[in-house]
Amino acid sequence: MALNFQLNGKTALVTGASRGIGQALALGLAQSGATVVCASSRASGCDDTVEKIKALGKDAYALSADLSDAAATESLAKEALAITGCIDILVNNGGTIYRAPATEFPLEQWKNVMQVNIDSAFILSQVIGKSMIARKCGKIINIASMLSYSGGITVPAYTASKHAIAGLTKALANEWGQHNVQVNAIAPGYIRTDNTQALQDDNERSSEILKRIPANRWGEAEDLQGAAVFLASDASAYVNGHILAVDGGFLAR
């Protein structure tokens, strides 16, 4: 039986698709044939991503929602489902980070990070997962982190949320695997994005990180595309509850 990495006829919803990792994932799925619904936190935020996808000759749509708002997140899921009638692939990429020492970390920032990073992933998975279960087919890809494995420094809320993403991935995989719905996660290594700009700008921390990456470079958002296409395609039909590190070997060292 030939492996099928093609996504022709599939529709994907990618959150946080305005730039960085989310934009790269949306483009990667489109290049493999998927129609992509691109979501961001502000109206018109995904215009550039949609233009890039349409330039590939693929269909794309833009939606927006504040992922810290549970009702808005639920509405986003329903809007996305209404566009083509179903969502075959859900990529929970939208996220945020806040840096402060744990003793000084504002509770409101803690709540915001958790709402955006984990609450929204659960809500979107719950709403869209119901339709996947009904159709006996679906792929959910959560975006984890190297901080799903370790504690980080001055990012307690982000770390807690990414540990939670790893747990949610396994919990949903346990329940939904019997319905032919696979739930997996990608744990990006140190990727050049807005979220890691503070680390890139810190010469000491950047040097420490680089020394631990066998690939001897920071990752680029495009480095994650292959993993996403694999987990979104029929080629990964028996992969479930897995957290796939795309980290240049960081965890190996």
C-alpha atoms as a PDB file:
ATOM      1  CA  MET A   1       0.000   0.000   0.000  1.00  0.00           C
ATOM      2  CA  ALA A   2       1.409   3.362  -1.036  1.00  0.00           C
ATOM      3  CA  LEU A   3       1.852   5.969   1.671  1.00  0.00           C
ATOM      4  CA  ASN A   4      -0.508   8.901   1.312  1.00  0.00           C
ATOM      5  CA  PHE A   5       0.871  12.246   2.401  1.00  0.00           C
ATOM      6  CA  GLN A   6      -1.586  14.171   0.208  1.00  0.00           C
ATOM      7  CA  LEU A   7      -4.253  16.391   1.747  1.00  0.00           C
ATOM      8  CA  ASN A   8      -6.366  16.971  -1.362  1.00  0.00           C
ATOM      9  CA  GLY A   9     -10.028  17.456  -0.475  1.00  0.00           C
ATOM     10  CA  LYS A  10      -9.239  18.121   3.182  1.00  0.00           C
ATOM     11  CA  THR A  11      -9.980  21.312   5.108  1.00  0.00           C
ATOM     12  CA  ALA A  12      -7.720  22.494   7.913  1.00  0.00           C
ATOM     13  CA  LEU A  13      -8.190  25.134  10.606  1.00  0.00           C
ATOM     14  CA  VAL A  14      -4.936  26.681  11.808  1.00  0.00           C
ATOM     15  CA  THR A  15      -4.994  29.147  14.689  1.00  0.00           C
ATOM     16  CA  GLY A  16      -2.294  31.776  15.126  1.00  0.00           C
ATOM     17  CA  ALA A  17      -1.813  31.675  11.361  1.00  0.00           C
ATOM     18  CA  SER A  18      -0.930  35.329  10.805  1.00  0.00           C
ATOM     19  CA  ARG A  19       2.849  34.840  10.951  1.00  0.00           C
ATOM     20  CA  GLY A  20       5.673  32.668  12.220  1.00  0.00           C
ATOM     21  CA  ILE A  21       4.996  29.008  12.923  1.00  0.00           C
ATOM     22  CA  GLY A  22       1.261  29.270  12.252  1.00  0.00           C
ATOM     23  CA  GLN A  23       1.763  30.822   8.834  1.00  0.00           C
ATOM     24  CA  ALA A  24       4.386  28.218   7.930  1.00  0.00           C
ATOM     25  CA  LEU A  25       2.087  25.369   8.993  1.00  0.00           C
ATOM     26  CA  ALA A  26      -0.838  26.805   7.021  1.00  0.00           C
ATOM     27  CA  LEU A  27       1.352  27.088   3.922  1.00  0.00           C
ATOM     28  CA  GLY A  28       2.728  23.575   4.369  1.00  0.00           C
ATOM     29  CA  LEU A  29      -0.764  22.076   4.588  1.00  0.00           C
ATOM     30  CA  ALA A  30      -1.874  24.064   1.545  1.00  0.00           C
ATOM     31  CA  GLN A  31       1.147  22.916  -0.461  1.00  0.00           C
ATOM     32  CA  SER A  32       0.032  19.337   0.218  1.00  0.00           C
ATOM     33  CA  GLY A  33      -3.449  20.071  -1.095  1.00  0.00           C
ATOM     34  CA  ALA A  34      -5.539  21.232   1.864  1.00  0.00           C
ATOM     35  CA  THR A  35      -7.991  24.098   1.920  1.00  0.00           C
ATOM     36  CA  VAL A  36      -6.939  26.178   4.926  1.00  0.00           C
ATOM     37  CA  VAL A  37      -9.042  28.292   7.262  1.00  0.00           C
ATOM     38  CA  CYS A  38      -6.560  30.700   8.822  1.00  0.00           C
ATOM     39  CA  ALA A  39      -7.396  32.247  12.190  1.00  0.00           C
ATOM     40  CA  SER A  40      -5.745  35.080  14.098  1.00  0.00           C
ATOM     41  CA  SER A  41      -6.559  37.299  17.045  1.00  0.00           C
ATOM     42  CA  ARG A  42      -7.468  40.324  14.944  1.00  0.00           C
ATOM     43  CA  ALA A  43      -9.562  40.946  11.858  1.00  0.00           C
ATOM     44  CA  SER A  44      -7.476  40.975   8.671  1.00  0.00           C
ATOM     45  CA  GLY A  45      -4.577  39.472  10.628  1.00  0.00           C
ATOM     46  CA  CYS A  46      -4.324  36.518   8.235  1.00  0.00           C
ATOM     47  CA  ASP A  47      -4.639  38.464   4.993  1.00  0.00           C
ATOM     48  CA  ASP A  48      -0.986  37.910   4.122  1.00  0.00           C
ATOM     49  CA  THR A  49      -1.209  34.164   4.807  1.00  0.00           C
ATOM     50  CA  VAL A  50      -4.367  33.838   2.723  1.00  0.00           C
ATOM     51  CA  GLU A  51      -2.716  35.692  -0.168  1.00  0.00           C
ATOM     52  CA  LYS A  52       0.298  33.374  -0.020  1.00  0.00           C
ATOM     53  CA  ILE A  53      -1.929  30.290  -0.069  1.00  0.00           C
ATOM     54  CA  LYS A  54      -4.037  31.565  -2.943  1.00  0.00           C
ATOM     55  CA  ALA A  55      -0.813  32.248  -4.856  1.00  0.00           C
ATOM     56  CA  LEU A  56      -0.239  28.488  -4.636  1.00  0.00           C
ATOM     57  CA  GLY A  57      -3.566  27.962  -6.375  1.00  0.00           C
ATOM     58  CA  LYS A  58      -5.273  26.711  -3.206  1.00  0.00           C
ATOM     59  CA  ASP A  59      -8.372  27.915  -1.380  1.00  0.00           C
ATOM     60  CA  ALA A  60      -7.999  29.788   1.897  1.00  0.00           C
ATOM     61  CA  TYR A  61     -10.231  31.716   4.264  1.00  0.00           C
ATOM     62  CA  ALA A  62      -9.565  34.120   7.124  1.00  0.00           C
ATOM     63  CA  LEU A  63     -11.302  34.256  10.496  1.00  0.00           C
ATOM     64  CA  SER A  64     -10.475  36.025  13.733  1.00  0.00           C
ATOM     65  CA  ALA A  65     -11.160  35.494  17.418  1.00  0.00           C
ATOM     66  CA  ASP A  66      -9.712  36.397  20.794  1.00  0.00           C
ATOM     67  CA  LEU A  67      -8.577  33.011  22.102  1.00  0.00           C
ATOM     68  CA  SER A  68      -8.646  34.311  25.679  1.00  0.00           C
ATOM     69  CA  ASP A  69     -12.444  34.559  25.309  1.00  0.00           C
ATOM     70  CA  ALA A  70     -14.141  31.165  25.615  1.00  0.00           C
ATOM     71  CA  ALA A  71     -17.328  32.241  23.847  1.00  0.00           C
ATOM     72  CA  ALA A  72     -15.382  33.792  20.960  1.00  0.00           C
ATOM     73  CA  THR A  73     -13.291  30.630  20.658  1.00  0.00           C
ATOM     74  CA  GLU A  74     -16.400  28.450  20.464  1.00  0.00           C
ATOM     75  CA  SER A  75     -17.847  30.771  17.810  1.00  0.00           C
ATOM     76  CA  LEU A  76     -14.603  30.472  15.827  1.00  0.00           C
ATOM     77  CA  ALA A  77     -14.933  26.695  15.778  1.00  0.00           C
ATOM     78  CA  LYS A  78     -18.523  26.891  14.551  1.00  0.00           C
ATOM     79  CA  GLU A  79     -17.672  29.488  11.901  1.00  0.00           C
ATOM     80  CA  ALA A  80     -14.824  27.344  10.615  1.00  0.00           C
ATOM     81  CA  LEU A  81     -17.072  24.280  10.413  1.00  0.00           C
ATOM     82  CA  ALA A  82     -19.645  26.259   8.452  1.00  0.00           C
ATOM     83  CA  ILE A  83     -17.223  27.370   5.725  1.00  0.00           C
ATOM     84  CA  THR A  84     -16.796  24.022   3.966  1.00  0.00           C
ATOM     85  CA  GLY A  85     -19.092  21.858   6.068  1.00  0.00           C
ATOM     86  CA  CYS A  86     -16.343  20.104   7.990  1.00  0.00           C
ATOM     87  CA  ILE A  87     -12.868  20.472   9.441  1.00  0.00           C
ATOM     88  CA  ASP A  88     -10.646  17.459   8.766  1.00  0.00           C
ATOM     89  CA  ILE A  89      -7.503  18.866  10.381  1.00  0.00           C
ATOM     90  CA  LEU A  90      -7.324  21.127  13.435  1.00  0.00           C
ATOM     91  CA  VAL A  91      -3.997  22.749  14.286  1.00  0.00           C
ATOM     92  CA  ASN A  92      -4.055  24.384  17.725  1.00  0.00           C
ATOM     93  CA  ASN A  93      -1.122  26.736  17.239  1.00  0.00           C
ATOM     94  CA  GLY A  94      -2.395  30.050  18.615  1.00  0.00           C
ATOM     95  CA  GLY A  95      -0.561  31.002  21.784  1.00  0.00           C
ATOM     96  CA  THR A  96       1.055  33.683  23.879  1.00  0.00           C
ATOM     97  CA  ILE A  97       3.884  34.060  26.372  1.00  0.00           C
ATOM     98  CA  TYR A  98       4.653  36.414  29.259  1.00  0.00           C
ATOM     99  CA  ARG A  99       8.020  36.671  31.002  1.00  0.00           C
ATOM    100  CA  ALA A 100       8.458  37.584  34.665  1.00  0.00           C
ATOM    101  CA  PRO A 101      10.049  36.005  37.743  1.00  0.00           C
ATOM    102  CA  ALA A 102       7.620  33.615  39.446  1.00  0.00           C
ATOM    103  CA  THR A 103       7.549  35.734  42.615  1.00  0.00           C
ATOM    104  CA  GLU A 104       6.402  38.742  40.600  1.00  0.00           C
ATOM    105  CA  PHE A 105       4.250  37.033  37.961  1.00  0.00           C
ATOM    106  CA  PRO A 106       0.895  38.892  37.647  1.00  0.00           C
ATOM    107  CA  LEU A 107      -2.108  36.645  38.194  1.00  0.00           C
ATOM    108  CA  GLU A 108      -3.948  38.282  35.304  1.00  0.00           C
ATOM    109  CA  GLN A 109      -1.094  37.375  32.974  1.00  0.00           C
ATOM    110  CA  TRP A 110      -1.132  33.826  34.315  1.00  0.00           C
ATOM    111  CA  LYS A 111      -4.847  33.563  33.536  1.00  0.00           C
ATOM    112  CA  ASN A 112      -4.429  35.069  30.067  1.00  0.00           C
ATOM    113  CA  VAL A 113      -1.633  32.689  29.072  1.00  0.00           C
ATOM    114  CA  MET A 114      -3.611  29.671  30.275  1.00  0.00           C
ATOM    115  CA  GLN A 115      -6.787  30.812  28.523  1.00  0.00           C
ATOM    116  CA  VAL A 116      -5.042  31.387  25.208  1.00  0.00           C
ATOM    117  CA  ASN A 117      -2.692  28.402  25.258  1.00  0.00           C
ATOM    118  CA  ILE A 118      -4.706  25.573  26.805  1.00  0.00           C
ATOM    119  CA  ASP A 119      -8.343  26.592  27.281  1.00  0.00           C
ATOM    120  CA  SER A 120      -8.746  27.522  23.614  1.00  0.00           C
ATOM    121  CA  ALA A 121      -7.126  24.269  22.472  1.00  0.00           C
ATOM    122  CA  PHE A 122      -9.606  22.287  24.544  1.00  0.00           C
ATOM    123  CA  ILE A 123     -12.624  24.297  23.378  1.00  0.00           C
ATOM    124  CA  LEU A 124     -11.692  24.061  19.694  1.00  0.00           C
ATOM    125  CA  SER A 125     -10.907  20.352  20.025  1.00  0.00           C
ATOM    126  CA  GLN A 126     -14.171  19.720  21.840  1.00  0.00           C
ATOM    127  CA  VAL A 127     -16.394  21.464  19.289  1.00  0.00           C
ATOM    128  CA  ILE A 128     -14.590  20.268  16.173  1.00  0.00           C
ATOM    129  CA  GLY A 129     -13.822  16.872  17.700  1.00  0.00           C
ATOM    130  CA  LYS A 130     -17.547  16.136  17.979  1.00  0.00           C
ATOM    131  CA  SER A 131     -17.942  16.458  14.208  1.00  0.00           C
ATOM    132  CA  MET A 132     -14.804  14.374  13.604  1.00  0.00           C
ATOM    133  CA  ILE A 133     -16.151  11.611  15.844  1.00  0.00           C
ATOM    134  CA  ALA A 134     -19.474  11.692  14.002  1.00  0.00           C
ATOM    135  CA  ARG A 135     -17.660  11.273  10.665  1.00  0.00           C
ATOM    136  CA  LYS A 136     -15.206   8.697  12.085  1.00  0.00           C
ATOM    137  CA  CYS A 137     -12.262  10.660  10.725  1.00  0.00           C
ATOM    138  CA  GLY A 138     -10.083  13.540  11.861  1.00  0.00           C
ATOM    139  CA  LYS A 139      -6.667  14.850  12.790  1.00  0.00           C
ATOM    140  CA  ILE A 140      -5.870  17.207  15.655  1.00  0.00           C
ATOM    141  CA  ILE A 141      -2.356  18.624  15.962  1.00  0.00           C
ATOM    142  CA  ASN A 142      -1.512  20.579  19.090  1.00  0.00           C
ATOM    143  CA  ILE A 143       1.597  22.726  19.291  1.00  0.00           C
ATOM    144  CA  ALA A 144       3.601  21.804  22.363  1.00  0.00           C
ATOM    145  CA  SER A 145       7.089  23.106  23.216  1.00  0.00           C
ATOM    146  CA  MET A 146      10.486  22.203  24.582  1.00  0.00           C
ATOM    147  CA  LEU A 147       8.879  23.532  27.772  1.00  0.00           C
ATOM    148  CA  SER A 148       6.480  20.591  27.657  1.00  0.00           C
ATOM    149  CA  TYR A 149       9.543  18.679  28.918  1.00  0.00           C
ATOM    150  CA  SER A 150      11.366  21.177  31.120  1.00  0.00           C
ATOM    151  CA  GLY A 151      10.702  24.201  33.303  1.00  0.00           C
ATOM    152  CA  GLY A 152      12.242  27.143  31.505  1.00  0.00           C
ATOM    153  CA  ILE A 153      13.153  30.400  33.228  1.00  0.00           C
ATOM    154  CA  THR A 154      10.706  33.231  34.101  1.00  0.00           C
ATOM    155  CA  VAL A 155       7.875  31.663  32.059  1.00  0.00           C
ATOM    156  CA  PRO A 156       5.875  29.680  34.642  1.00  0.00           C
ATOM    157  CA  ALA A 157       2.478  30.135  32.958  1.00  0.00           C
ATOM    158  CA  TYR A 158       3.763  29.243  29.494  1.00  0.00           C
ATOM    159  CA  THR A 159       5.532  26.172  30.884  1.00  0.00           C
ATOM    160  CA  ALA A 160       2.421  25.038  32.753  1.00  0.00           C
ATOM    161  CA  SER A 161       0.279  25.526  29.663  1.00  0.00           C
ATOM    162  CA  LYS A 162       2.634  23.540  27.437  1.00  0.00           C
ATOM    163  CA  HIS A 163       2.842  20.672  29.922  1.00  0.00           C
ATOM    164  CA  ALA A 164      -0.971  20.784  29.867  1.00  0.00           C
ATOM    165  CA  ILE A 165      -0.993  20.632  26.057  1.00  0.00           C
ATOM    166  CA  ALA A 166       1.036  17.412  26.223  1.00  0.00           C
ATOM    167  CA  GLY A 167      -1.431  15.965  28.716  1.00  0.00           C
ATOM    168  CA  LEU A 168      -4.489  17.063  26.749  1.00  0.00           C
ATOM    169  CA  THR A 169      -3.036  15.485  23.612  1.00  0.00           C
ATOM    170  CA  LYS A 170      -2.758  12.123  25.347  1.00  0.00           C
ATOM    171  CA  ALA A 171      -6.148  12.395  27.061  1.00  0.00           C
ATOM    172  CA  LEU A 172      -8.015  13.127  23.822  1.00  0.00           C
ATOM    173  CA  ALA A 173      -6.060  10.453  21.956  1.00  0.00           C
ATOM    174  CA  ASN A 174      -7.172   7.911  24.563  1.00  0.00           C
ATOM    175  CA  GLU A 175     -10.843   8.804  24.115  1.00  0.00           C
ATOM    176  CA  TRP A 176     -11.033   9.466  20.396  1.00  0.00           C
ATOM    177  CA  GLY A 177      -8.648   6.937  18.863  1.00  0.00           C
ATOM    178  CA  GLN A 178     -11.482   4.394  18.710  1.00  0.00           C
ATOM    179  CA  HIS A 179     -13.339   6.801  16.405  1.00  0.00           C
ATOM    180  CA  ASN A 180     -10.415   7.088  13.947  1.00  0.00           C
ATOM    181  CA  VAL A 181      -9.535  10.540  15.238  1.00  0.00           C
ATOM    182  CA  GLN A 182      -5.813  10.916  15.862  1.00  0.00           C
ATOM    183  CA  VAL A 183      -4.621  13.564  18.321  1.00  0.00           C
ATOM    184  CA  ASN A 184      -0.911  14.336  18.332  1.00  0.00           C
ATOM    185  CA  ALA A 185       1.378  17.267  19.083  1.00  0.00           C
ATOM    186  CA  ILE A 186       4.468  18.871  17.622  1.00  0.00           C
ATOM    187  CA  ALA A 187       7.032  20.198  20.093  1.00  0.00           C
ATOM    188  CA  PRO A 188       9.085  22.802  18.228  1.00  0.00           C
ATOM    189  CA  GLY A 189      12.658  23.310  19.295  1.00  0.00           C
ATOM    190  CA  TYR A 190      14.144  26.778  19.447  1.00  0.00           C
ATOM    191  CA  ILE A 191      12.606  28.410  16.376  1.00  0.00           C
ATOM    192  CA  ARG A 192      13.243  31.957  15.162  1.00  0.00           C
ATOM    193  CA  THR A 193       9.869  33.608  15.873  1.00  0.00           C
ATOM    194  CA  ASP A 194       8.461  36.612  17.719  1.00  0.00           C
ATOM    195  CA  ASN A 195       7.938  34.437  20.806  1.00  0.00           C
ATOM    196  CA  THR A 196      11.653  33.621  21.032  1.00  0.00           C
ATOM    197  CA  GLN A 197      12.947  37.081  20.121  1.00  0.00           C
ATOM    198  CA  ALA A 198      13.887  37.850  23.728  1.00  0.00           C
ATOM    199  CA  LEU A 199      16.031  34.709  23.822  1.00  0.00           C
ATOM    200  CA  GLN A 200      17.600  35.456  20.453  1.00  0.00           C
ATOM    201  CA  ASP A 201      18.505  38.937  21.665  1.00  0.00           C
ATOM    202  CA  ASP A 202      20.102  37.602  24.869  1.00  0.00           C
ATOM    203  CA  ASN A 203      23.597  36.692  23.677  1.00  0.00           C
ATOM    204  CA  GLU A 204      24.391  34.518  26.701  1.00  0.00           C
ATOM    205  CA  ARG A 205      21.132  32.508  26.600  1.00  0.00           C
ATOM    206  CA  SER A 206      21.219  32.225  22.801  1.00  0.00           C
ATOM    207  CA  SER A 207      24.771  30.880  22.953  1.00  0.00           C
ATOM    208  CA  GLU A 208      23.804  28.347  25.650  1.00  0.00           C
ATOM    209  CA  ILE A 209      20.881  27.141  23.558  1.00  0.00           C
ATOM    210  CA  LEU A 210      22.904  26.867  20.371  1.00  0.00           C
ATOM    211  CA  LYS A 211      25.590  24.807  22.093  1.00  0.00           C
ATOM    212  CA  ARG A 212      22.942  22.216  22.967  1.00  0.00           C
ATOM    213  CA  ILE A 213      21.505  21.856  19.441  1.00  0.00           C
ATOM    214  CA  PRO A 214      23.324  19.144  17.447  1.00  0.00           C
ATOM    215  CA  ALA A 215      22.089  20.739  14.209  1.00  0.00           C
ATOM    216  CA  ASN A 216      24.141  23.797  15.269  1.00  0.00           C
ATOM    217  CA  ARG A 217      21.450  26.302  14.307  1.00  0.00           C
ATOM    218  CA  TRP A 218      18.176  27.754  15.474  1.00  0.00           C
ATOM    219  CA  GLY A 219      15.207  26.280  13.665  1.00  0.00           C
ATOM    220  CA  GLU A 220      13.103  28.066  11.089  1.00  0.00           C
ATOM    221  CA  ALA A 221       9.309  27.913  11.040  1.00  0.00           C
ATOM    222  CA  GLU A 222       9.451  26.001   7.745  1.00  0.00           C
ATOM    223  CA  ASP A 223      11.295  23.172   9.525  1.00  0.00           C
ATOM    224  CA  LEU A 224       7.964  22.205  11.101  1.00  0.00           C
ATOM    225  CA  GLN A 225       6.017  21.803   7.869  1.00  0.00           C
ATOM    226  CA  GLY A 226       6.980  18.190   7.177  1.00  0.00           C
ATOM    227  CA  ALA A 227       5.936  17.024  10.637  1.00  0.00           C
ATOM    228  CA  ALA A 228       2.586  18.790  10.308  1.00  0.00           C
ATOM    229  CA  VAL A 229       1.851  17.288   6.892  1.00  0.00           C
ATOM    230  CA  PHE A 230       2.758  13.823   8.205  1.00  0.00           C
ATOM    231  CA  LEU A 231       0.486  14.120  11.246  1.00  0.00           C
ATOM    232  CA  ALA A 232      -2.332  15.593   9.138  1.00  0.00           C
ATOM    233  CA  SER A 233      -2.192  12.883   6.479  1.00  0.00           C
ATOM    234  CA  ASP A 234      -3.243   9.252   6.202  1.00  0.00           C
ATOM    235  CA  ALA A 235       0.437   8.314   6.494  1.00  0.00           C
ATOM    236  CA  SER A 236       0.116   8.744  10.279  1.00  0.00           C
ATOM    237  CA  ALA A 237      -3.126   6.763  10.681  1.00  0.00           C
ATOM    238  CA  TYR A 238      -1.624   4.629  13.476  1.00  0.00           C
ATOM    239  CA  VAL A 239       0.177   7.472  15.253  1.00  0.00           C
ATOM    240  CA  ASN A 240      -1.872   8.705  18.207  1.00  0.00           C
ATOM    241  CA  GLY A 241      -1.132  10.488  21.467  1.00  0.00           C
ATOM    242  CA  HIS A 242       2.430  11.243  20.380  1.00  0.00           C
ATOM    243  CA  ILE A 243       4.450  14.415  20.967  1.00  0.00           C
ATOM    244  CA  LEU A 244       6.851  14.793  18.050  1.00  0.00           C
ATOM    245  CA  ALA A 245       9.880  16.931  18.857  1.00  0.00           C
ATOM    246  CA  VAL A 246      11.215  18.914  15.903  1.00  0.00           C
ATOM    247  CA  ASP A 247      14.208  20.363  17.652  1.00  0.00           C
ATOM    248  CA  GLY A 248      17.419  19.743  15.713  1.00  0.00           C
ATOM    249  CA  GLY A 249      18.360  17.172  18.346  1.00  0.00           C
ATOM    250  CA  PHE A 250      18.063  19.499  21.372  1.00  0.00           C
ATOM    251  CA  LEU A 251      16.423  16.863  23.584  1.00  0.00           C
ATOM    252  CA  ALA A 252      19.014  14.244  22.623  1.00  0.00           C
ATOM    253  CA  ARG A 253      21.762  16.292  24.215  1.00  0.00           C
END
